[in-house]
Structure formats: structure tokens, C-alpha cells
Amino acid sequence: MMTMNVGPFALAVPHIILMVSLLLATLTGWWVGRRSKLNPEAQLFKLLMVALLVARLAFVIVYFDHFRDDLWGVIDIRDGGFFAWPGLIAAIALGAWMAWREKTLRIPLGSAMAVGVLIWGFSSFVLHAFEQGTRLPELALRDNHGAPVALVDYVGKPLVINLWATWCPPCRREMPVLAEAQRKESDLTFLFVNQGEGETVIGEFLASQGLGLENVLLDTGGQLGQKLGSAALPTTIFYDAEGRQVSSHLGELSRASLARELDKLKMDAQP
């Protein structure tokens, strides 16, 4: 499962894990410090902001070549470009300094940090293990000419599947990035699986954009998104040559965030 529905919204599971971890850490800090009337809520929020900032900066530094022509993209965090571990280490270091500086906060802040980090780490590990155990669904679709195709026919090379629709603004924005990668990455197979639209709408959109996409497939019933547990668009899933899921990305891809996902896919493909 990649998303969970909260009312009309579809939230990514990693985001839910982060929010739940912060909530339980805040409750722990309040509970431990209630007798002395010390609540480390403000400190926890600062630590979260520092963790996110450092995680983003680490990502930008590693993939800076992809930001040279688009410096505004550095602050556009919609691409999900974060390295978690540098951010986590920075937050723990700052939290330790805060606790050392204010002795009365040591126990409530330390307890809150321990609970938050443990819950986030364990939940993220379980999610990653579940994702790694997921295989390419056996599903029959149609290409943009109406011919039947099966997803399993594409097993044999590392595979990138993009779920999209013409009405989805983030899908439209990321499409040139994926089209460029399709032209450059000949060792990978890219599938563009449209969710819920017909041949005419898709054909008109592709003709107007001039993207030259290959492997455009139609999933008029949105079956693939349901099988993958994603109710949001765009969603991109990465599989190895044997059809095992390596990673996934919910939301818009930038050149940098796509490069990161492809790096993970290529690393997994190495013997």
C-alpha cells in the first residue's frame, strides 16, 4: 500500500509514518514532563524542521547538477527529494545539545526523541521490507492502438511504470522529465500507464505535447493503481529485471528525484 485515504485526500504512507511518529513523540514528551509542567513540544517541532532542512540540503548537494539550470527547484520540495539519514543525525545531535543545555528538559525531551525515532525507524523498515517483497502485478492492459498487452511481457529488463492522467497537473509537469529519461536510458523500459481515460483523449494530449513517448498503455478501469495500493497521481514504481519492486515515488518527479530513483534501480541491478 502506497497511500491511505483520509476523507477526500490520499496521503503517502511515509508521510503518515512521519506524522504519527511526531504525534507520539509529542504525547510522550508531554506525559513524561507533565508533573514538572515541562512540555518539549516546541523543541520537537524545531528538531523536525532542522531534520527536513538538512535532509533536503543533502539531497540537493548530491544531485546539484540537476539543479544548475533550475535553482528555484532547490526549494520546490514537491519532488520529495530528501535524504533521511543526514537529517535524522542532525536532529539527534541538536536534540542532544538542547538536552545538555537545559537539564530540566533532558528526560522529557530525550524520551520523546527516543519514541519518535524508534517508531519512525521501525515503521520505515517494515514499509521498505513490504515494498521489496512486492512483485509486478499480472494484469492485461491495452496499448494506445487498442492492442492487448500484459505487464509480465515487459519482465527481463529493469522497469519504470508511471501512472498518470491528462487532467493531472503534476503528471503533465513531470512528463517531459520522464520522456527525456526514456530517450537516454536504453537499458530500462518505461511504461506510461494512463488511468481511466480513453484513446481519443490520450492521443490528443500526446499529439499536442510532442513528447514522442513509447509504451503508452491504457488502464481505463484504474486497475493497476488499485492493485498497487495507490489512489493518487502521479505514481511511479520501479522494478528490477525479474519483476520485483525496488522502490516507488508518489507525486511529481523532478530530474533530480528521478535520477535518485534510477540510481537505486541500477544499484539493485548490479550483481
C-alpha atoms as a PDB file:
ATOM      1  CA  MET A   1       0.000   0.000   0.000  1.00  0.00           C
ATOM      2  CA  MET A   2       1.398   3.383  -1.061  1.00  0.00           C
ATOM      3  CA  THR A   3      -1.389   5.701   0.053  1.00  0.00           C
ATOM      4  CA  MET A   4      -4.131   5.895   2.660  1.00  0.00           C
ATOM      5  CA  ASN A   5      -7.342   7.806   2.121  1.00  0.00           C
ATOM      6  CA  VAL A   6      -8.175  10.429   4.746  1.00  0.00           C
ATOM      7  CA  GLY A   7     -11.539  11.844   3.692  1.00  0.00           C
ATOM      8  CA  PRO A   8     -11.094  13.188   0.153  1.00  0.00           C
ATOM      9  CA  PHE A   9      -7.290  13.165   0.426  1.00  0.00           C
ATOM     10  CA  ALA A  10      -4.806  10.415  -0.403  1.00  0.00           C
ATOM     11  CA  LEU A  11      -1.736  10.620   1.813  1.00  0.00           C
ATOM     12  CA  ALA A  12       1.530   8.819   1.152  1.00  0.00           C
ATOM     13  CA  VAL A  13       2.290   6.147   3.753  1.00  0.00           C
ATOM     14  CA  PRO A  14       5.802   7.569   4.515  1.00  0.00           C
ATOM     15  CA  HIS A  15       4.193  10.931   5.285  1.00  0.00           C
ATOM     16  CA  ILE A  16       1.696   9.258   7.603  1.00  0.00           C
ATOM     17  CA  ILE A  17       4.529   7.450   9.367  1.00  0.00           C
ATOM     18  CA  LEU A  18       6.322  10.757   9.912  1.00  0.00           C
ATOM     19  CA  MET A  19       3.194  12.480  11.255  1.00  0.00           C
ATOM     20  CA  VAL A  20       2.327   9.592  13.590  1.00  0.00           C
ATOM     21  CA  SER A  21       5.918   9.468  14.867  1.00  0.00           C
ATOM     22  CA  LEU A  22       5.836  13.204  15.611  1.00  0.00           C
ATOM     23  CA  LEU A  23       2.446  12.902  17.319  1.00  0.00           C
ATOM     24  CA  LEU A  24       3.535  10.021  19.561  1.00  0.00           C
ATOM     25  CA  ALA A  25       6.822  11.770  20.356  1.00  0.00           C
ATOM     26  CA  THR A  26       4.897  14.905  21.359  1.00  0.00           C
ATOM     27  CA  LEU A  27       2.497  12.915  23.538  1.00  0.00           C
ATOM     28  CA  THR A  28       5.416  11.115  25.173  1.00  0.00           C
ATOM     29  CA  GLY A  29       7.183  14.391  25.958  1.00  0.00           C
ATOM     30  CA  TRP A  30       4.002  15.844  27.431  1.00  0.00           C
ATOM     31  CA  TRP A  31       3.302  12.716  29.506  1.00  0.00           C
ATOM     32  CA  VAL A  32       6.824  12.423  30.922  1.00  0.00           C
ATOM     33  CA  GLY A  33       7.095  16.135  31.682  1.00  0.00           C
ATOM     34  CA  ARG A  34       3.542  16.730  32.931  1.00  0.00           C
ATOM     35  CA  ARG A  35       4.397  16.699  36.660  1.00  0.00           C
ATOM     36  CA  SER A  36       7.119  19.279  36.275  1.00  0.00           C
ATOM     37  CA  LYS A  37       4.991  21.161  33.726  1.00  0.00           C
ATOM     38  CA  LEU A  38       7.679  20.847  31.071  1.00  0.00           C
ATOM     39  CA  ASN A  39       6.460  20.132  27.550  1.00  0.00           C
ATOM     40  CA  PRO A  40       9.172  19.779  24.845  1.00  0.00           C
ATOM     41  CA  GLU A  41       6.659  20.315  22.028  1.00  0.00           C
ATOM     42  CA  ALA A  42       8.382  23.448  20.713  1.00  0.00           C
ATOM     43  CA  GLN A  43      11.784  21.757  20.741  1.00  0.00           C
ATOM     44  CA  LEU A  44      10.432  18.730  18.867  1.00  0.00           C
ATOM     45  CA  PHE A  45       8.992  20.951  16.155  1.00  0.00           C
ATOM     46  CA  LYS A  46      12.347  22.712  15.778  1.00  0.00           C
ATOM     47  CA  LEU A  47      14.105  19.364  15.503  1.00  0.00           C
ATOM     48  CA  LEU A  48      11.695  18.265  12.778  1.00  0.00           C
ATOM     49  CA  MET A  49      12.326  21.467  10.803  1.00  0.00           C
ATOM     50  CA  VAL A  50      16.097  21.020  11.127  1.00  0.00           C
ATOM     51  CA  ALA A  51      15.844  17.374  10.048  1.00  0.00           C
ATOM     52  CA  LEU A  52      13.838  18.297   6.949  1.00  0.00           C
ATOM     53  CA  LEU A  53      16.180  21.166   6.058  1.00  0.00           C
ATOM     54  CA  VAL A  54      19.334  19.058   6.373  1.00  0.00           C
ATOM     55  CA  ALA A  55      17.715  16.147   4.526  1.00  0.00           C
ATOM     56  CA  ARG A  56      16.827  18.462   1.649  1.00  0.00           C
ATOM     57  CA  LEU A  57      20.258  20.122   1.574  1.00  0.00           C
ATOM     58  CA  ALA A  58      21.971  16.723   1.486  1.00  0.00           C
ATOM     59  CA  PHE A  59      19.830  15.706  -1.477  1.00  0.00           C
ATOM     60  CA  VAL A  60      20.498  18.971  -3.332  1.00  0.00           C
ATOM     61  CA  ILE A  61      24.260  18.678  -2.778  1.00  0.00           C
ATOM     62  CA  VAL A  62      24.401  15.122  -4.149  1.00  0.00           C
ATOM     63  CA  TYR A  63      22.251  15.921  -7.201  1.00  0.00           C
ATOM     64  CA  PHE A  64      23.221  19.551  -7.687  1.00  0.00           C
ATOM     65  CA  ASP A  65      23.997  19.012 -11.384  1.00  0.00           C
ATOM     66  CA  HIS A  66      20.264  18.563 -11.943  1.00  0.00           C
ATOM     67  CA  PHE A  67      19.512  21.892 -10.255  1.00  0.00           C
ATOM     68  CA  ARG A  68      22.052  24.047 -12.136  1.00  0.00           C
ATOM     69  CA  ASP A  69      19.522  25.180 -14.735  1.00  0.00           C
ATOM     70  CA  ASP A  70      16.655  25.432 -12.270  1.00  0.00           C
ATOM     71  CA  LEU A  71      17.814  26.908  -8.968  1.00  0.00           C
ATOM     72  CA  TRP A  72      14.235  27.537  -7.902  1.00  0.00           C
ATOM     73  CA  GLY A  73      13.865  23.779  -7.911  1.00  0.00           C
ATOM     74  CA  VAL A  74      16.062  23.659  -4.805  1.00  0.00           C
ATOM     75  CA  ILE A  75      13.161  24.927  -2.698  1.00  0.00           C
ATOM     76  CA  ASP A  76      10.473  23.044  -4.602  1.00  0.00           C
ATOM     77  CA  ILE A  77      10.112  20.114  -2.229  1.00  0.00           C
ATOM     78  CA  ARG A  78       7.138  18.680  -4.115  1.00  0.00           C
ATOM     79  CA  ASP A  79       9.591  16.307  -5.803  1.00  0.00           C
ATOM     80  CA  GLY A  80      10.149  14.511  -2.481  1.00  0.00           C
ATOM     81  CA  GLY A  81      13.919  14.914  -2.704  1.00  0.00           C
ATOM     82  CA  PHE A  82      15.219  14.202   0.806  1.00  0.00           C
ATOM     83  CA  PHE A  83      17.977  12.062   2.304  1.00  0.00           C
ATOM     84  CA  ALA A  84      16.542  10.933   5.624  1.00  0.00           C
ATOM     85  CA  TRP A  85      19.652   9.831   7.480  1.00  0.00           C
ATOM     86  CA  PRO A  86      21.640  13.113   7.383  1.00  0.00           C
ATOM     87  CA  GLY A  87      18.518  14.891   8.610  1.00  0.00           C
ATOM     88  CA  LEU A  88      17.991  12.355  11.391  1.00  0.00           C
ATOM     89  CA  ILE A  89      21.602  12.593  12.559  1.00  0.00           C
ATOM     90  CA  ALA A  90      21.437  16.412  12.578  1.00  0.00           C
ATOM     91  CA  ALA A  91      18.209  16.356  14.601  1.00  0.00           C
ATOM     92  CA  ILE A  92      19.609  13.895  17.151  1.00  0.00           C
ATOM     93  CA  ALA A  93      22.768  15.979  17.540  1.00  0.00           C
ATOM     94  CA  LEU A  94      20.780  19.181  18.023  1.00  0.00           C
ATOM     95  CA  GLY A  95      18.402  17.445  20.436  1.00  0.00           C
ATOM     96  CA  ALA A  96      21.328  16.180  22.486  1.00  0.00           C
ATOM     97  CA  TRP A  97      22.710  19.728  22.644  1.00  0.00           C
ATOM     98  CA  MET A  98      19.324  21.084  23.737  1.00  0.00           C
ATOM     99  CA  ALA A  99      19.051  18.455  26.455  1.00  0.00           C
ATOM    100  CA  TRP A 100      22.587  19.168  27.682  1.00  0.00           C
ATOM    101  CA  ARG A 101      21.894  22.909  27.751  1.00  0.00           C
ATOM    102  CA  GLU A 102      18.586  22.648  29.647  1.00  0.00           C
ATOM    103  CA  LYS A 103      18.864  19.958  32.310  1.00  0.00           C
ATOM    104  CA  THR A 104      15.165  20.066  33.190  1.00  0.00           C
ATOM    105  CA  LEU A 105      14.283  19.038  29.637  1.00  0.00           C
ATOM    106  CA  ARG A 106      16.617  16.068  29.463  1.00  0.00           C
ATOM    107  CA  ILE A 107      14.169  13.367  30.480  1.00  0.00           C
ATOM    108  CA  PRO A 108      11.010  14.578  28.651  1.00  0.00           C
ATOM    109  CA  LEU A 109      12.886  15.624  25.502  1.00  0.00           C
ATOM    110  CA  GLY A 110      15.096  12.529  25.492  1.00  0.00           C
ATOM    111  CA  SER A 111      12.089  10.250  25.963  1.00  0.00           C
ATOM    112  CA  ALA A 112      10.149  11.995  23.224  1.00  0.00           C
ATOM    113  CA  MET A 113      13.072  11.785  20.799  1.00  0.00           C
ATOM    114  CA  ALA A 114      13.631   8.102  21.554  1.00  0.00           C
ATOM    115  CA  VAL A 115       9.967   7.227  20.941  1.00  0.00           C
ATOM    116  CA  GLY A 116       9.772   9.293  17.742  1.00  0.00           C
ATOM    117  CA  VAL A 117      12.972   7.909  16.232  1.00  0.00           C
ATOM    118  CA  LEU A 118      12.175   4.296  17.144  1.00  0.00           C
ATOM    119  CA  ILE A 119       8.648   4.430  15.739  1.00  0.00           C
ATOM    120  CA  TRP A 120       9.768   6.175  12.545  1.00  0.00           C
ATOM    121  CA  GLY A 121      12.722   3.818  12.063  1.00  0.00           C
ATOM    122  CA  PHE A 122      10.787   0.604  12.716  1.00  0.00           C
ATOM    123  CA  SER A 123       7.790   1.636  10.613  1.00  0.00           C
ATOM    124  CA  SER A 124      10.006   2.746   7.721  1.00  0.00           C
ATOM    125  CA  PHE A 125      11.880  -0.565   7.867  1.00  0.00           C
ATOM    126  CA  VAL A 126       8.620  -2.549   7.761  1.00  0.00           C
ATOM    127  CA  LEU A 127       7.342  -0.465   4.844  1.00  0.00           C
ATOM    128  CA  HIS A 128      10.597  -0.944   2.951  1.00  0.00           C
ATOM    129  CA  ALA A 129      10.563  -4.703   3.571  1.00  0.00           C
ATOM    130  CA  PHE A 130       6.947  -4.909   2.396  1.00  0.00           C
ATOM    131  CA  GLU A 131       7.769  -2.895  -0.721  1.00  0.00           C
ATOM    132  CA  GLN A 132      10.755  -5.101  -1.537  1.00  0.00           C
ATOM    133  CA  GLY A 133       8.526  -8.166  -1.339  1.00  0.00           C
ATOM    134  CA  THR A 134       6.021  -6.834  -3.872  1.00  0.00           C
ATOM    135  CA  ARG A 135       6.072  -8.161  -7.411  1.00  0.00           C
ATOM    136  CA  LEU A 136       4.788  -6.792 -10.703  1.00  0.00           C
ATOM    137  CA  PRO A 137       1.032  -7.486 -10.894  1.00  0.00           C
ATOM    138  CA  GLU A 138      -0.246  -9.859 -13.541  1.00  0.00           C
ATOM    139  CA  LEU A 139      -2.560  -7.576 -15.433  1.00  0.00           C
ATOM    140  CA  ALA A 140      -3.756  -7.293 -19.031  1.00  0.00           C
ATOM    141  CA  LEU A 141      -3.953  -3.771 -20.497  1.00  0.00           C
ATOM    142  CA  ARG A 142      -4.144  -2.205 -23.968  1.00  0.00           C
ATOM    143  CA  ASP A 143      -1.664  -0.070 -25.835  1.00  0.00           C
ATOM    144  CA  ASN A 144      -2.676   3.261 -27.378  1.00  0.00           C
ATOM    145  CA  HIS A 145      -3.628   1.463 -30.597  1.00  0.00           C
ATOM    146  CA  GLY A 146      -6.034  -0.855 -28.799  1.00  0.00           C
ATOM    147  CA  ALA A 147      -3.877  -3.994 -28.931  1.00  0.00           C
ATOM    148  CA  PRO A 148      -3.842  -6.160 -25.761  1.00  0.00           C
ATOM    149  CA  VAL A 149      -0.625  -6.307 -23.733  1.00  0.00           C
ATOM    150  CA  ALA A 150       0.376  -7.969 -20.463  1.00  0.00           C
ATOM    151  CA  LEU A 151       2.626  -6.327 -17.898  1.00  0.00           C
ATOM    152  CA  VAL A 152       4.588  -9.539 -17.430  1.00  0.00           C
ATOM    153  CA  ASP A 153       5.665  -9.303 -21.074  1.00  0.00           C
ATOM    154  CA  TYR A 154       7.999  -6.481 -20.032  1.00  0.00           C
ATOM    155  CA  VAL A 155       9.871  -8.528 -17.426  1.00  0.00           C
ATOM    156  CA  GLY A 156      13.503  -9.048 -18.408  1.00  0.00           C
ATOM    157  CA  LYS A 157      14.788  -5.501 -18.095  1.00  0.00           C
ATOM    158  CA  PRO A 158      14.540  -3.030 -15.207  1.00  0.00           C
ATOM    159  CA  LEU A 159      11.146  -1.411 -15.476  1.00  0.00           C
ATOM    160  CA  VAL A 160       9.726   2.026 -14.644  1.00  0.00           C
ATOM    161  CA  ILE A 161       5.935   2.306 -14.553  1.00  0.00           C
ATOM    162  CA  ASN A 162       4.341   5.750 -14.423  1.00  0.00           C
ATOM    163  CA  LEU A 163       0.651   6.079 -13.530  1.00  0.00           C
ATOM    164  CA  TRP A 164      -0.770   9.290 -14.967  1.00  0.00           C
ATOM    165  CA  ALA A 165      -3.752  11.095 -16.459  1.00  0.00           C
ATOM    166  CA  THR A 166      -4.107  14.090 -18.759  1.00  0.00           C
ATOM    167  CA  TRP A 167      -6.185  16.026 -16.163  1.00  0.00           C
ATOM    168  CA  CYS A 168      -3.416  15.758 -13.534  1.00  0.00           C
ATOM    169  CA  PRO A 169      -1.175  18.901 -13.467  1.00  0.00           C
ATOM    170  CA  PRO A 170       1.789  17.204 -11.712  1.00  0.00           C
ATOM    171  CA  CYS A 171       1.602  14.391 -14.279  1.00  0.00           C
ATOM    172  CA  ARG A 172       1.824  16.903 -17.102  1.00  0.00           C
ATOM    173  CA  ARG A 173       4.737  18.735 -15.465  1.00  0.00           C
ATOM    174  CA  GLU A 174       6.813  15.604 -14.930  1.00  0.00           C
ATOM    175  CA  MET A 175       6.108  14.050 -18.326  1.00  0.00           C
ATOM    176  CA  PRO A 176       8.986  15.830 -20.162  1.00  0.00           C
ATOM    177  CA  VAL A 177      11.386  14.610 -17.449  1.00  0.00           C
ATOM    178  CA  LEU A 178      10.264  11.008 -17.931  1.00  0.00           C
ATOM    179  CA  ALA A 179      10.285  11.351 -21.730  1.00  0.00           C
ATOM    180  CA  GLU A 180      13.891  12.578 -21.607  1.00  0.00           C
ATOM    181  CA  ALA A 181      14.864   9.654 -19.376  1.00  0.00           C
ATOM    182  CA  GLN A 182      13.167   7.216 -21.752  1.00  0.00           C
ATOM    183  CA  ARG A 183      15.298   8.513 -24.619  1.00  0.00           C
ATOM    184  CA  LYS A 184      18.551   8.379 -22.636  1.00  0.00           C
ATOM    185  CA  GLU A 185      18.162   5.186 -20.585  1.00  0.00           C
ATOM    186  CA  SER A 186      18.132   2.458 -23.209  1.00  0.00           C
ATOM    187  CA  ASP A 187      18.785  -0.248 -20.602  1.00  0.00           C
ATOM    188  CA  LEU A 188      15.483   0.499 -18.878  1.00  0.00           C
ATOM    189  CA  THR A 189      11.896   0.057 -20.010  1.00  0.00           C
ATOM    190  CA  PHE A 190       9.458   2.891 -19.306  1.00  0.00           C
ATOM    191  CA  LEU A 191       5.701   2.254 -19.308  1.00  0.00           C
ATOM    192  CA  PHE A 192       3.243   5.137 -19.186  1.00  0.00           C
ATOM    193  CA  VAL A 193       0.007   3.635 -17.890  1.00  0.00           C
ATOM    194  CA  ASN A 194      -2.871   6.082 -18.197  1.00  0.00           C
ATOM    195  CA  GLN A 195      -5.530   5.750 -15.522  1.00  0.00           C
ATOM    196  CA  GLY A 196      -9.160   5.922 -16.531  1.00  0.00           C
ATOM    197  CA  GLU A 197      -9.075   7.755 -19.878  1.00  0.00           C
ATOM    198  CA  GLY A 198      -9.817   6.719 -23.454  1.00  0.00           C
ATOM    199  CA  GLU A 199      -7.717   6.555 -26.604  1.00  0.00           C
ATOM    200  CA  THR A 200      -9.025   9.817 -28.073  1.00  0.00           C
ATOM    201  CA  VAL A 201      -8.223  11.943 -25.023  1.00  0.00           C
ATOM    202  CA  ILE A 202      -4.783  10.392 -24.627  1.00  0.00           C
ATOM    203  CA  GLY A 203      -3.986  10.665 -28.339  1.00  0.00           C
ATOM    204  CA  GLU A 204      -4.935  14.340 -28.462  1.00  0.00           C
ATOM    205  CA  PHE A 205      -2.832  15.105 -25.399  1.00  0.00           C
ATOM    206  CA  LEU A 206       0.255  13.287 -26.706  1.00  0.00           C
ATOM    207  CA  ALA A 207      -0.068  14.937 -30.111  1.00  0.00           C
ATOM    208  CA  SER A 208      -0.334  18.397 -28.559  1.00  0.00           C
ATOM    209  CA  GLN A 209       2.717  17.879 -26.327  1.00  0.00           C
ATOM    210  CA  GLY A 210       5.043  16.326 -28.910  1.00  0.00           C
ATOM    211  CA  LEU A 211       6.752  14.161 -26.292  1.00  0.00           C
ATOM    212  CA  GLY A 212       7.359  11.138 -28.509  1.00  0.00           C
ATOM    213  CA  LEU A 213       6.559   8.668 -25.735  1.00  0.00           C
ATOM    214  CA  GLU A 214       6.889   4.941 -26.276  1.00  0.00           C
ATOM    215  CA  ASN A 215       4.947   2.251 -24.401  1.00  0.00           C
ATOM    216  CA  VAL A 216       1.819   4.243 -23.605  1.00  0.00           C
ATOM    217  CA  LEU A 217      -0.739   1.844 -22.105  1.00  0.00           C
ATOM    218  CA  LEU A 218      -4.411   2.259 -21.272  1.00  0.00           C
ATOM    219  CA  ASP A 219      -5.909   1.197 -17.954  1.00  0.00           C
ATOM    220  CA  THR A 220      -9.439   2.528 -18.339  1.00  0.00           C
ATOM    221  CA  GLY A 221     -10.629   0.921 -15.111  1.00  0.00           C
ATOM    222  CA  GLY A 222      -7.701   2.118 -12.997  1.00  0.00           C
ATOM    223  CA  GLN A 223      -6.964  -1.481 -12.031  1.00  0.00           C
ATOM    224  CA  LEU A 224      -3.204  -1.090 -11.739  1.00  0.00           C
ATOM    225  CA  GLY A 225      -3.449   1.771  -9.269  1.00  0.00           C
ATOM    226  CA  GLN A 226      -5.836  -0.320  -7.163  1.00  0.00           C
ATOM    227  CA  LYS A 227      -3.554  -3.349  -7.210  1.00  0.00           C
ATOM    228  CA  LEU A 228      -0.561  -1.220  -6.234  1.00  0.00           C
ATOM    229  CA  GLY A 229      -2.475   0.482  -3.439  1.00  0.00           C
ATOM    230  CA  SER A 230      -2.084   3.978  -4.831  1.00  0.00           C
ATOM    231  CA  ALA A 231      -5.090   6.283  -5.066  1.00  0.00           C
ATOM    232  CA  ALA A 232      -3.036   9.343  -6.071  1.00  0.00           C
ATOM    233  CA  LEU A 233      -1.471  10.540  -9.311  1.00  0.00           C
ATOM    234  CA  PRO A 234       1.218  10.642 -10.430  1.00  0.00           C
ATOM    235  CA  THR A 235       2.712   7.465  -9.003  1.00  0.00           C
ATOM    236  CA  THR A 236       5.908   5.901 -10.349  1.00  0.00           C
ATOM    237  CA  ILE A 237       7.053   2.379  -9.466  1.00  0.00           C
ATOM    238  CA  PHE A 238      10.469   0.872 -10.141  1.00  0.00           C
ATOM    239  CA  TYR A 239      11.002  -2.870 -10.716  1.00  0.00           C
ATOM    240  CA  ASP A 240      14.109  -4.947 -11.269  1.00  0.00           C
ATOM    241  CA  ALA A 241      14.556  -7.231 -14.285  1.00  0.00           C
ATOM    242  CA  GLU A 242      12.741 -10.075 -12.501  1.00  0.00           C
ATOM    243  CA  GLY A 243       9.670  -8.013 -11.691  1.00  0.00           C
ATOM    244  CA  ARG A 244      10.452  -7.305  -8.028  1.00  0.00           C
ATOM    245  CA  GLN A 245       9.618  -3.843  -6.775  1.00  0.00           C
ATOM    246  CA  VAL A 246      12.700  -1.833  -5.832  1.00  0.00           C
ATOM    247  CA  SER A 247      11.123   1.498  -4.895  1.00  0.00           C
ATOM    248  CA  SER A 248       8.224   3.821  -5.570  1.00  0.00           C
ATOM    249  CA  HIS A 249       7.614   7.543  -5.765  1.00  0.00           C
ATOM    250  CA  LEU A 250       4.311   9.230  -5.054  1.00  0.00           C
ATOM    251  CA  GLY A 251       3.947  12.683  -6.576  1.00  0.00           C
ATOM    252  CA  GLU A 252       5.786  14.744  -9.150  1.00  0.00           C
ATOM    253  CA  LEU A 253       9.284  13.716 -10.202  1.00  0.00           C
ATOM    254  CA  SER A 254      11.975  16.290 -10.907  1.00  0.00           C
ATOM    255  CA  ARG A 255      15.129  15.459 -12.834  1.00  0.00           C
ATOM    256  CA  ALA A 256      16.950  15.131  -9.524  1.00  0.00           C
ATOM    257  CA  SER A 257      14.402  12.893  -7.791  1.00  0.00           C
ATOM    258  CA  LEU A 258      14.104  10.689 -10.894  1.00  0.00           C
ATOM    259  CA  ALA A 259      17.900  10.413 -11.059  1.00  0.00           C
ATOM    260  CA  ARG A 260      17.919   9.239  -7.441  1.00  0.00           C
ATOM    261  CA  GLU A 261      15.315   6.557  -8.096  1.00  0.00           C
ATOM    262  CA  LEU A 262      17.142   5.369 -11.217  1.00  0.00           C
ATOM    263  CA  ASP A 263      20.397   5.216  -9.252  1.00  0.00           C
ATOM    264  CA  LYS A 264      18.699   2.892  -6.749  1.00  0.00           C
ATOM    265  CA  LEU A 265      17.306   0.783  -9.577  1.00  0.00           C
ATOM    266  CA  LYS A 266      20.697   0.477 -11.277  1.00  0.00           C
ATOM    267  CA  MET A 267      22.429  -0.318  -7.980  1.00  0.00           C
ATOM    268  CA  ASP A 268      19.932  -3.092  -7.346  1.00  0.00           C
ATOM    269  CA  ALA A 269      20.634  -4.482 -10.816  1.00  0.00           C
ATOM    270  CA  GLN A 270      24.360  -4.850 -10.118  1.00  0.00           C
ATOM    271  CA  PRO A 271      25.491  -8.406  -9.361  1.00  0.00           C
END
